Amino acid sequence: MRAFLLIILACLAAISHAIVGGEDVDKGTFPYVVSVQEDGWTGSVKQLCGGFIVKANKVVTAADCVDGLVASKLRVLGGDV
């Protein structure tokens, strides 16, 4: 019965993409943070995750954000993201 209730609660839980407990900051506070995006089939752009600049031509992000994706379809956007 307990497992059943946990499954029901998990199914009813709201999915949120917001950062929980985050704080607003002024633009330019974190100039090394970038947006990692993927070009869609219809010309749309999908935000995948964030990353940070470690060198002029290198960005670090979570592996599960880009695992299995084609590199030529990815883009990195810096500035006011």
C-alpha atoms as a PDB file:
ATOM      1  CA  MET A   1       0.000   0.000   0.000  1.00  0.00           C
ATOM      2  CA  ARG A   2       2.852   2.356   0.860  1.00  0.00           C
ATOM      3  CA  ALA A   3       4.533   1.820  -2.515  1.00  0.00           C
ATOM      4  CA  PHE A   4       1.219   2.452  -4.271  1.00  0.00           C
ATOM      5  CA  LEU A   5       0.814   5.798  -2.473  1.00  0.00           C
ATOM      6  CA  LEU A   6       4.357   6.818  -3.377  1.00  0.00           C
ATOM      7  CA  ILE A   7       3.705   6.033  -7.046  1.00  0.00           C
ATOM      8  CA  ILE A   8       0.467   8.040  -7.012  1.00  0.00           C
ATOM      9  CA  LEU A   9       2.180  11.008  -5.349  1.00  0.00           C
ATOM     10  CA  ALA A  10       5.043  10.873  -7.822  1.00  0.00           C
ATOM     11  CA  CYS A  11       2.605  10.884 -10.733  1.00  0.00           C
ATOM     12  CA  LEU A  12       0.704  13.848  -9.340  1.00  0.00           C
ATOM     13  CA  ALA A  13       3.765  15.929  -8.521  1.00  0.00           C
ATOM     14  CA  ALA A  14       4.138  19.026 -10.674  1.00  0.00           C
ATOM     15  CA  ILE A  15       7.168  19.119 -12.930  1.00  0.00           C
ATOM     16  CA  SER A  16       9.047  22.393 -12.729  1.00  0.00           C
ATOM     17  CA  HIS A  17      11.989  23.617 -14.751  1.00  0.00           C
ATOM     18  CA  ALA A  18      12.593  26.536 -12.426  1.00  0.00           C
ATOM     19  CA  ILE A  19      15.590  26.751 -10.163  1.00  0.00           C
ATOM     20  CA  VAL A  20      14.303  26.163  -6.642  1.00  0.00           C
ATOM     21  CA  GLY A  21      15.707  28.506  -4.017  1.00  0.00           C
ATOM     22  CA  GLY A  22      17.643  30.572  -6.570  1.00  0.00           C
ATOM     23  CA  GLU A  23      18.270  34.291  -6.354  1.00  0.00           C
ATOM     24  CA  ASP A  24      17.991  37.060  -8.936  1.00  0.00           C
ATOM     25  CA  VAL A  25      21.299  38.676  -9.896  1.00  0.00           C
ATOM     26  CA  ASP A  26      22.298  41.693 -11.943  1.00  0.00           C
ATOM     27  CA  LYS A  27      23.313  41.218 -15.584  1.00  0.00           C
ATOM     28  CA  GLY A  28      27.030  40.645 -15.911  1.00  0.00           C
ATOM     29  CA  THR A  29      27.423  39.062 -12.472  1.00  0.00           C
ATOM     30  CA  PHE A  30      28.390  35.713 -14.011  1.00  0.00           C
ATOM     31  CA  PRO A  31      29.930  36.532 -17.424  1.00  0.00           C
ATOM     32  CA  TYR A  32      31.235  32.980 -17.893  1.00  0.00           C
ATOM     33  CA  VAL A  33      27.769  31.338 -17.873  1.00  0.00           C
ATOM     34  CA  VAL A  34      26.360  30.271 -21.268  1.00  0.00           C
ATOM     35  CA  SER A  35      23.245  28.675 -22.721  1.00  0.00           C
ATOM     36  CA  VAL A  36      23.713  25.327 -24.503  1.00  0.00           C
ATOM     37  CA  GLN A  37      21.081  24.959 -27.234  1.00  0.00           C
ATOM     38  CA  GLU A  38      20.070  22.555 -30.001  1.00  0.00           C
ATOM     39  CA  ASP A  39      18.772  23.470 -33.456  1.00  0.00           C
ATOM     40  CA  GLY A  40      15.359  21.870 -33.984  1.00  0.00           C
ATOM     41  CA  TRP A  41      13.947  20.259 -37.113  1.00  0.00           C
ATOM     42  CA  THR A  42      11.641  23.186 -37.808  1.00  0.00           C
ATOM     43  CA  GLY A  43      14.276  25.875 -37.410  1.00  0.00           C
ATOM     44  CA  SER A  44      13.416  26.340 -33.751  1.00  0.00           C
ATOM     45  CA  VAL A  45      16.042  26.421 -31.014  1.00  0.00           C
ATOM     46  CA  LYS A  46      15.717  24.333 -27.857  1.00  0.00           C
ATOM     47  CA  GLN A  47      17.402  25.349 -24.600  1.00  0.00           C
ATOM     48  CA  LEU A  48      19.128  22.220 -23.265  1.00  0.00           C
ATOM     49  CA  CYS A  49      21.046  23.391 -20.237  1.00  0.00           C
ATOM     50  CA  GLY A  50      23.627  25.811 -18.985  1.00  0.00           C
ATOM     51  CA  GLY A  51      27.373  25.664 -19.060  1.00  0.00           C
ATOM     52  CA  PHE A  52      30.404  27.775 -18.317  1.00  0.00           C
ATOM     53  CA  ILE A  53      33.373  29.003 -20.293  1.00  0.00           C
ATOM     54  CA  VAL A  54      36.732  27.511 -19.319  1.00  0.00           C
ATOM     55  CA  LYS A  55      38.747  28.736 -22.336  1.00  0.00           C
ATOM     56  CA  ALA A  56      38.036  30.905 -25.361  1.00  0.00           C
ATOM     57  CA  ASN A  57      36.874  27.853 -27.345  1.00  0.00           C
ATOM     58  CA  LYS A  58      35.825  25.440 -24.574  1.00  0.00           C
ATOM     59  CA  VAL A  59      32.614  25.135 -22.538  1.00  0.00           C
ATOM     60  CA  VAL A  60      31.822  22.652 -19.759  1.00  0.00           C
ATOM     61  CA  THR A  61      28.281  21.359 -19.285  1.00  0.00           C
ATOM     62  CA  ALA A  62      26.615  18.242 -17.868  1.00  0.00           C
ATOM     63  CA  ALA A  63      27.168  15.155 -20.029  1.00  0.00           C
ATOM     64  CA  ASP A  64      23.529  14.096 -19.842  1.00  0.00           C
ATOM     65  CA  CYS A  65      22.511  17.377 -21.526  1.00  0.00           C
ATOM     66  CA  VAL A  66      24.266  16.512 -24.783  1.00  0.00           C
ATOM     67  CA  ASP A  67      24.632  12.723 -24.667  1.00  0.00           C
ATOM     68  CA  GLY A  68      23.634  11.221 -28.004  1.00  0.00           C
ATOM     69  CA  LEU A  69      23.206  14.578 -29.761  1.00  0.00           C
ATOM     70  CA  VAL A  70      24.947  15.643 -32.968  1.00  0.00           C
ATOM     71  CA  ALA A  71      27.604  18.285 -32.273  1.00  0.00           C
ATOM     72  CA  SER A  72      26.851  20.191 -35.471  1.00  0.00           C
ATOM     73  CA  LYS A  73      23.282  20.786 -34.193  1.00  0.00           C
ATOM     74  CA  LEU A  74      24.470  22.367 -30.930  1.00  0.00           C
ATOM     75  CA  ARG A  75      25.148  26.025 -30.263  1.00  0.00           C
ATOM     76  CA  VAL A  76      26.480  27.974 -27.315  1.00  0.00           C
ATOM     77  CA  LEU A  77      25.064  31.403 -26.573  1.00  0.00           C
ATOM     78  CA  GLY A  78      26.788  33.855 -24.270  1.00  0.00           C
ATOM     79  CA  GLY A  79      25.918  37.375 -23.296  1.00  0.00           C
ATOM     80  CA  ASP A  80      22.472  38.224 -21.945  1.00  0.00           C
ATOM     81  CA  VAL A  81      20.945  34.751 -21.944  1.00  0.00           C
END
